[in-house]
Amino acid sequence: MKIPEVTVASLVMVFGLFAFVGVIATGMSSIISNLDARRGRFCHRMESICLHMKQMGLPEEVQTWVHKYYRYLWTHRKGSVVAGLLDDLPFALHSEISSACYKPLMKKVRFVLMCTLVWSAMYDPYSTEKRSEA
């Protein structure tokens, strides 16, 4: 082996190592700064909400409930808002999602169960005609 080849190969490997570490460090700093920005927006929103509640004169108990709710949102969702996330879906798909989400609850409610039985007795989903009421 020649010494210049080993030196050049070693320099290329060290340069590659520094480049790799730089890419990893840049990615990590980006993640940390985004998390910090999200946390900053959340803290600013919390301060605004608390100030507004104090100006409204809400009881401390209600303010504590609201504060705990927003802490819960931060802990479980990191401050992201889920409301309105599926609003741009078509009505049919939105209703399918709703019925899938609330199906266990609707099975427990007696009124919904009775309406389902009456509806299925009056209407056959596979035919285009409605049955006459008995």
N, C-alpha and C. Protein backbone atom coordinates (compact mmCIF):
# COMPACT_ATOMS: atom_id res chain seq x y z
N MET A 1 0.84 -1.18 0.00
CA MET A 1 0.00 0.00 0.00
C MET A 1 0.88 1.24 0.00
N LYS A 2 0.38 2.21 -0.67
CA LYS A 2 1.12 3.46 -0.73
C LYS A 2 0.54 4.42 0.29
N ILE A 3 1.39 5.18 0.89
CA ILE A 3 1.00 6.12 1.95
C ILE A 3 0.06 7.21 1.42
N PRO A 4 0.28 7.81 0.22
CA PRO A 4 -0.65 8.84 -0.24
C PRO A 4 -2.08 8.31 -0.45
N GLU A 5 -2.21 7.06 -0.94
CA GLU A 5 -3.54 6.49 -1.13
C GLU A 5 -4.26 6.31 0.19
N VAL A 6 -3.55 5.83 1.19
CA VAL A 6 -4.14 5.63 2.52
C VAL A 6 -4.54 6.98 3.12
N THR A 7 -3.71 7.98 2.93
CA THR A 7 -4.00 9.31 3.47
C THR A 7 -5.24 9.89 2.81
N VAL A 8 -5.34 9.80 1.49
CA VAL A 8 -6.50 10.33 0.78
C VAL A 8 -7.76 9.56 1.18
N ALA A 9 -7.68 8.24 1.26
CA ALA A 9 -8.83 7.43 1.66
C ALA A 9 -9.28 7.78 3.07
N SER A 10 -8.32 7.99 3.97
CA SER A 10 -8.65 8.35 5.35
C SER A 10 -9.32 9.72 5.40
N LEU A 11 -8.81 10.68 4.62
CA LEU A 11 -9.41 12.01 4.59
C LEU A 11 -10.83 11.97 4.03
N VAL A 12 -11.05 11.17 3.00
CA VAL A 12 -12.39 11.04 2.43
C VAL A 12 -13.34 10.42 3.44
N MET A 13 -12.90 9.41 4.17
CA MET A 13 -13.76 8.79 5.19
C MET A 13 -14.07 9.76 6.32
N VAL A 14 -13.08 10.54 6.76
CA VAL A 14 -13.32 11.51 7.83
C VAL A 14 -14.27 12.60 7.34
N PHE A 15 -14.08 13.06 6.10
CA PHE A 15 -14.99 14.05 5.52
C PHE A 15 -16.41 13.50 5.44
N GLY A 16 -16.56 12.24 5.01
CA GLY A 16 -17.87 11.59 4.94
C GLY A 16 -18.51 11.47 6.31
N LEU A 17 -17.70 11.15 7.32
CA LEU A 17 -18.22 11.05 8.68
C LEU A 17 -18.75 12.39 9.16
N PHE A 18 -17.97 13.47 8.91
CA PHE A 18 -18.42 14.80 9.31
C PHE A 18 -19.67 15.22 8.56
N ALA A 19 -19.76 14.87 7.28
CA ALA A 19 -20.95 15.20 6.50
C ALA A 19 -22.17 14.46 7.04
N PHE A 20 -22.00 13.19 7.36
CA PHE A 20 -23.09 12.38 7.90
C PHE A 20 -23.55 12.93 9.25
N VAL A 21 -22.61 13.24 10.12
CA VAL A 21 -22.95 13.80 11.43
C VAL A 21 -23.63 15.16 11.25
N GLY A 22 -23.20 15.93 10.27
CA GLY A 22 -23.82 17.22 10.00
C GLY A 22 -25.26 17.08 9.56
N VAL A 23 -25.54 16.10 8.70
CA VAL A 23 -26.91 15.86 8.25
C VAL A 23 -27.79 15.42 9.42
N ILE A 24 -27.28 14.54 10.25
CA ILE A 24 -28.04 14.07 11.42
C ILE A 24 -28.29 15.23 12.38
N ALA A 25 -27.27 16.03 12.65
CA ALA A 25 -27.42 17.16 13.57
C ALA A 25 -28.40 18.19 13.02
N THR A 26 -28.37 18.43 11.71
CA THR A 26 -29.30 19.38 11.10
C THR A 26 -30.74 18.88 11.23
N GLY A 27 -30.95 17.61 10.97
CA GLY A 27 -32.30 17.04 11.11
C GLY A 27 -32.81 17.12 12.54
N MET A 28 -31.95 16.80 13.48
CA MET A 28 -32.35 16.87 14.89
C MET A 28 -32.65 18.29 15.32
N SER A 29 -31.84 19.25 14.87
CA SER A 29 -32.09 20.64 15.25
C SER A 29 -33.39 21.14 14.63
N SER A 30 -33.71 20.67 13.42
CA SER A 30 -34.97 21.05 12.78
C SER A 30 -36.15 20.51 13.57
N ILE A 31 -36.06 19.27 13.99
CA ILE A 31 -37.15 18.66 14.78
C ILE A 31 -37.33 19.41 16.10
N ILE A 32 -36.22 19.72 16.75
CA ILE A 32 -36.29 20.41 18.04
C ILE A 32 -36.86 21.81 17.88
N SER A 33 -36.44 22.52 16.83
CA SER A 33 -36.95 23.88 16.64
C SER A 33 -38.43 23.87 16.28
N ASN A 34 -38.88 22.88 15.50
CA ASN A 34 -40.31 22.79 15.19
C ASN A 34 -41.13 22.49 16.43
N LEU A 35 -40.63 21.60 17.27
CA LEU A 35 -41.33 21.28 18.50
C LEU A 35 -41.37 22.50 19.42
N ASP A 36 -40.26 23.23 19.46
CA ASP A 36 -40.22 24.42 20.28
C ASP A 36 -41.18 25.49 19.75
N ALA A 37 -41.28 25.63 18.43
CA ALA A 37 -42.20 26.60 17.85
C ALA A 37 -43.64 26.21 18.15
N ARG A 38 -43.95 24.92 18.05
CA ARG A 38 -45.30 24.45 18.36
C ARG A 38 -45.62 24.69 19.82
N ARG A 39 -44.65 24.42 20.69
CA ARG A 39 -44.84 24.65 22.12
C ARG A 39 -45.04 26.14 22.39
N GLY A 40 -44.30 26.99 21.69
CA GLY A 40 -44.44 28.43 21.86
C GLY A 40 -45.83 28.90 21.46
N ARG A 41 -46.34 28.39 20.32
CA ARG A 41 -47.70 28.75 19.90
C ARG A 41 -48.73 28.28 20.93
N PHE A 42 -48.49 27.08 21.46
CA PHE A 42 -49.42 26.54 22.46
C PHE A 42 -49.41 27.40 23.72
N CYS A 43 -48.23 27.78 24.19
CA CYS A 43 -48.14 28.60 25.41
C CYS A 43 -48.77 29.97 25.18
N HIS A 44 -48.55 30.54 24.01
CA HIS A 44 -49.16 31.84 23.70
C HIS A 44 -50.69 31.71 23.68
N ARG A 45 -51.18 30.64 23.09
CA ARG A 45 -52.63 30.42 23.06
C ARG A 45 -53.18 30.24 24.47
N MET A 46 -52.46 29.49 25.32
CA MET A 46 -52.91 29.29 26.69
C MET A 46 -52.96 30.61 27.45
N GLU A 47 -51.94 31.44 27.25
CA GLU A 47 -51.93 32.74 27.92
C GLU A 47 -53.11 33.60 27.47
N SER A 48 -53.40 33.57 26.18
CA SER A 48 -54.53 34.34 25.66
C SER A 48 -55.85 33.83 26.23
N ILE A 49 -55.99 32.52 26.30
CA ILE A 49 -57.23 31.92 26.83
C ILE A 49 -57.39 32.26 28.31
N CYS A 50 -56.32 32.14 29.07
CA CYS A 50 -56.39 32.45 30.50
C CYS A 50 -56.73 33.91 30.73
N LEU A 51 -56.12 34.80 29.96
CA LEU A 51 -56.41 36.23 30.08
C LEU A 51 -57.86 36.52 29.74
N HIS A 52 -58.35 35.89 28.69
CA HIS A 52 -59.75 36.09 28.28
C HIS A 52 -60.71 35.58 29.36
N MET A 53 -60.39 34.43 29.94
CA MET A 53 -61.27 33.89 30.98
C MET A 53 -61.29 34.80 32.20
N LYS A 54 -60.13 35.37 32.55
CA LYS A 54 -60.09 36.29 33.69
C LYS A 54 -60.88 37.55 33.40
N GLN A 55 -60.78 38.06 32.16
CA GLN A 55 -61.54 39.25 31.79
C GLN A 55 -63.04 38.98 31.80
N MET A 56 -63.43 37.74 31.48
CA MET A 56 -64.85 37.38 31.50
C MET A 56 -65.36 37.20 32.93
N GLY A 57 -64.43 37.02 33.87
CA GLY A 57 -64.82 36.84 35.27
C GLY A 57 -65.30 35.43 35.57
N LEU A 58 -64.77 34.45 34.88
CA LEU A 58 -65.16 33.06 35.13
C LEU A 58 -64.63 32.60 36.48
N PRO A 59 -65.37 31.72 37.15
CA PRO A 59 -64.89 31.18 38.43
C PRO A 59 -63.57 30.41 38.24
N GLU A 60 -62.79 30.36 39.29
CA GLU A 60 -61.49 29.67 39.24
C GLU A 60 -61.65 28.19 38.90
N GLU A 61 -62.74 27.59 39.36
CA GLU A 61 -62.96 26.17 39.08
C GLU A 61 -63.11 25.93 37.58
N VAL A 62 -63.85 26.78 36.89
CA VAL A 62 -64.04 26.64 35.44
C VAL A 62 -62.72 26.89 34.72
N GLN A 63 -61.98 27.89 35.18
CA GLN A 63 -60.68 28.18 34.58
C GLN A 63 -59.73 26.99 34.73
N THR A 64 -59.80 26.33 35.87
CA THR A 64 -58.96 25.15 36.10
C THR A 64 -59.35 24.02 35.16
N TRP A 65 -60.65 23.83 34.95
CA TRP A 65 -61.11 22.80 34.02
C TRP A 65 -60.57 23.06 32.61
N VAL A 66 -60.70 24.31 32.17
CA VAL A 66 -60.23 24.66 30.83
C VAL A 66 -58.72 24.45 30.72
N HIS A 67 -58.01 24.88 31.76
CA HIS A 67 -56.54 24.73 31.75
C HIS A 67 -56.15 23.25 31.71
N LYS A 68 -56.84 22.43 32.48
CA LYS A 68 -56.54 20.98 32.47
C LYS A 68 -56.86 20.36 31.11
N TYR A 69 -57.93 20.83 30.49
CA TYR A 69 -58.30 20.30 29.18
C TYR A 69 -57.21 20.61 28.15
N TYR A 70 -56.73 21.84 28.16
CA TYR A 70 -55.69 22.18 27.20
C TYR A 70 -54.37 21.48 27.52
N ARG A 71 -54.09 21.24 28.78
CA ARG A 71 -52.90 20.44 29.15
C ARG A 71 -53.05 19.01 28.62
N TYR A 72 -54.27 18.49 28.73
CA TYR A 72 -54.53 17.15 28.19
C TYR A 72 -54.29 17.11 26.69
N LEU A 73 -54.79 18.14 25.97
CA LEU A 73 -54.56 18.21 24.52
C LEU A 73 -53.08 18.27 24.20
N TRP A 74 -52.32 19.04 24.98
CA TRP A 74 -50.88 19.14 24.72
C TRP A 74 -50.20 17.80 24.98
N THR A 75 -50.59 17.14 26.06
CA THR A 75 -49.95 15.87 26.42
C THR A 75 -50.23 14.79 25.38
N HIS A 76 -51.47 14.73 24.88
CA HIS A 76 -51.85 13.64 23.99
C HIS A 76 -51.72 13.96 22.51
N ARG A 77 -51.85 15.23 22.14
CA ARG A 77 -51.82 15.57 20.72
C ARG A 77 -50.79 16.61 20.37
N LYS A 78 -50.02 17.05 21.34
CA LYS A 78 -49.00 18.08 21.14
C LYS A 78 -49.58 19.35 20.55
N GLY A 79 -50.80 19.67 20.96
CA GLY A 79 -51.41 20.93 20.58
C GLY A 79 -52.08 20.96 19.22
N SER A 80 -52.04 19.88 18.48
CA SER A 80 -52.68 19.90 17.16
C SER A 80 -54.19 19.84 17.33
N VAL A 81 -54.88 20.55 16.48
CA VAL A 81 -56.33 20.64 16.55
C VAL A 81 -56.92 19.62 15.59
N VAL A 82 -57.77 18.77 16.11
CA VAL A 82 -58.38 17.72 15.31
C VAL A 82 -59.72 18.17 14.73
N ALA A 83 -60.35 19.12 15.38
CA ALA A 83 -61.66 19.59 14.91
C ALA A 83 -61.52 20.19 13.51
N GLY A 84 -62.40 19.79 12.63
CA GLY A 84 -62.37 20.30 11.27
C GLY A 84 -61.42 19.55 10.36
N LEU A 85 -60.77 18.53 10.86
CA LEU A 85 -59.79 17.81 10.08
C LEU A 85 -60.43 17.03 8.93
N LEU A 86 -61.63 16.52 9.15
CA LEU A 86 -62.31 15.72 8.14
C LEU A 86 -63.47 16.47 7.48
N ASP A 87 -63.50 17.78 7.63
CA ASP A 87 -64.63 18.56 7.10
C ASP A 87 -64.68 18.58 5.58
N ASP A 88 -63.57 18.38 4.90
CA ASP A 88 -63.58 18.45 3.44
C ASP A 88 -63.95 17.13 2.78
N LEU A 89 -64.25 16.12 3.58
CA LEU A 89 -64.68 14.83 3.02
C LEU A 89 -66.12 14.94 2.52
N PRO A 90 -66.49 14.12 1.54
CA PRO A 90 -67.89 14.09 1.10
C PRO A 90 -68.82 13.63 2.22
N PHE A 91 -70.08 14.02 2.11
CA PHE A 91 -71.04 13.71 3.17
C PHE A 91 -71.16 12.21 3.40
N ALA A 92 -71.20 11.43 2.33
CA ALA A 92 -71.37 9.97 2.47
C ALA A 92 -70.21 9.36 3.25
N LEU A 93 -69.00 9.77 2.92
CA LEU A 93 -67.84 9.24 3.62
C LEU A 93 -67.81 9.72 5.06
N HIS A 94 -68.19 10.97 5.27
CA HIS A 94 -68.24 11.51 6.63
C HIS A 94 -69.26 10.76 7.47
N SER A 95 -70.41 10.43 6.89
CA SER A 95 -71.43 9.69 7.65
C SER A 95 -70.98 8.26 7.93
N GLU A 96 -70.25 7.66 7.00
CA GLU A 96 -69.71 6.31 7.25
C GLU A 96 -68.71 6.32 8.40
N ILE A 97 -67.87 7.33 8.44
CA ILE A 97 -66.90 7.45 9.53
C ILE A 97 -67.63 7.66 10.85
N SER A 98 -68.64 8.51 10.85
CA SER A 98 -69.42 8.77 12.07
C SER A 98 -70.12 7.51 12.56
N SER A 99 -70.74 6.79 11.64
CA SER A 99 -71.45 5.57 12.07
C SER A 99 -70.47 4.51 12.56
N ALA A 100 -69.28 4.44 11.96
CA ALA A 100 -68.28 3.48 12.44
C ALA A 100 -67.78 3.85 13.83
N CYS A 101 -67.64 5.16 14.07
CA CYS A 101 -67.15 5.60 15.38
C CYS A 101 -68.19 5.38 16.48
N TYR A 102 -69.45 5.62 16.17
CA TYR A 102 -70.50 5.57 17.18
C TYR A 102 -71.29 4.27 17.17
N LYS A 103 -70.86 3.28 16.40
CA LYS A 103 -71.58 2.02 16.31
C LYS A 103 -71.73 1.32 17.66
N PRO A 104 -70.66 1.20 18.47
CA PRO A 104 -70.84 0.54 19.78
C PRO A 104 -71.86 1.26 20.67
N LEU A 105 -71.88 2.59 20.61
CA LEU A 105 -72.84 3.35 21.42
C LEU A 105 -74.25 3.15 20.90
N MET A 106 -74.40 3.16 19.59
CA MET A 106 -75.74 3.01 19.02
C MET A 106 -76.31 1.62 19.27
N LYS A 107 -75.45 0.60 19.41
CA LYS A 107 -75.95 -0.74 19.73
C LYS A 107 -76.49 -0.81 21.15
N LYS A 108 -76.01 0.05 22.02
CA LYS A 108 -76.46 0.04 23.41
C LYS A 108 -77.74 0.83 23.63
N VAL A 109 -78.04 1.78 22.75
CA VAL A 109 -79.21 2.64 22.93
C VAL A 109 -80.44 1.92 22.39
N ARG A 110 -81.44 1.76 23.23
CA ARG A 110 -82.63 0.99 22.86
C ARG A 110 -83.44 1.66 21.76
N PHE A 111 -83.54 2.99 21.80
CA PHE A 111 -84.31 3.72 20.80
C PHE A 111 -83.73 3.52 19.41
N VAL A 112 -82.43 3.61 19.28
CA VAL A 112 -81.78 3.43 17.98
C VAL A 112 -81.98 2.00 17.50
N LEU A 113 -81.90 1.05 18.40
CA LEU A 113 -82.10 -0.35 18.04
C LEU A 113 -83.52 -0.58 17.53
N MET A 114 -84.52 0.01 18.20
CA MET A 114 -85.90 -0.15 17.76
C MET A 114 -86.12 0.52 16.41
N CYS A 115 -85.56 1.71 16.21
CA CYS A 115 -85.70 2.39 14.91
C CYS A 115 -85.05 1.59 13.79
N THR A 116 -83.92 0.97 14.10
CA THR A 116 -83.24 0.14 13.09
C THR A 116 -84.10 -1.05 12.72
N LEU A 117 -84.74 -1.69 13.71
CA LEU A 117 -85.60 -2.84 13.42
C LEU A 117 -86.81 -2.43 12.60
N VAL A 118 -87.42 -1.31 12.94
CA VAL A 118 -88.59 -0.83 12.19
C VAL A 118 -88.18 -0.46 10.77
N TRP A 119 -87.07 0.22 10.63
CA TRP A 119 -86.60 0.63 9.31
C TRP A 119 -86.29 -0.58 8.44
N SER A 120 -85.63 -1.58 9.02
CA SER A 120 -85.30 -2.77 8.23
C SER A 120 -86.55 -3.57 7.88
N ALA A 121 -87.60 -3.48 8.71
CA ALA A 121 -88.85 -4.18 8.39
C ALA A 121 -89.60 -3.46 7.27
N MET A 122 -89.45 -2.14 7.20
CA MET A 122 -90.18 -1.36 6.19
C MET A 122 -89.43 -1.26 4.86
N TYR A 123 -88.13 -1.35 4.91
CA TYR A 123 -87.35 -1.06 3.71
C TYR A 123 -86.33 -2.16 3.47
N ASP A 124 -86.35 -2.71 2.29
CA ASP A 124 -85.35 -3.70 1.90
C ASP A 124 -84.28 -2.97 1.10
N PRO A 125 -83.05 -2.91 1.58
CA PRO A 125 -82.02 -2.13 0.87
C PRO A 125 -81.66 -2.69 -0.49
N TYR A 126 -82.05 -3.91 -0.79
CA TYR A 126 -81.69 -4.51 -2.07
C TYR A 126 -82.76 -4.33 -3.13
N SER A 127 -83.90 -3.81 -2.74
CA SER A 127 -84.94 -3.55 -3.73
C SER A 127 -85.11 -2.04 -3.88
N THR A 128 -85.67 -1.64 -5.01
CA THR A 128 -85.86 -0.21 -5.26
C THR A 128 -87.23 0.26 -4.81
N GLU A 129 -88.08 -0.67 -4.42
CA GLU A 129 -89.43 -0.31 -3.98
C GLU A 129 -89.51 -0.27 -2.47
N LYS A 130 -90.33 0.66 -1.98
CA LYS A 130 -90.60 0.70 -0.56
C LYS A 130 -91.75 -0.25 -0.27
N ARG A 131 -91.65 -0.91 0.86
CA ARG A 131 -92.75 -1.79 1.26
C ARG A 131 -93.86 -0.94 1.88
N SER A 132 -95.07 -1.40 1.72
CA SER A 132 -96.19 -0.67 2.33
C SER A 132 -96.18 -0.91 3.82
N GLU A 133 -96.63 0.09 4.54
CA GLU A 133 -96.65 -0.03 6.00
C GLU A 133 -97.74 -1.01 6.40
N ALA A 134 -97.42 -1.84 7.36
CA ALA A 134 -98.36 -2.87 7.80
C ALA A 134 -99.30 -2.37 8.85
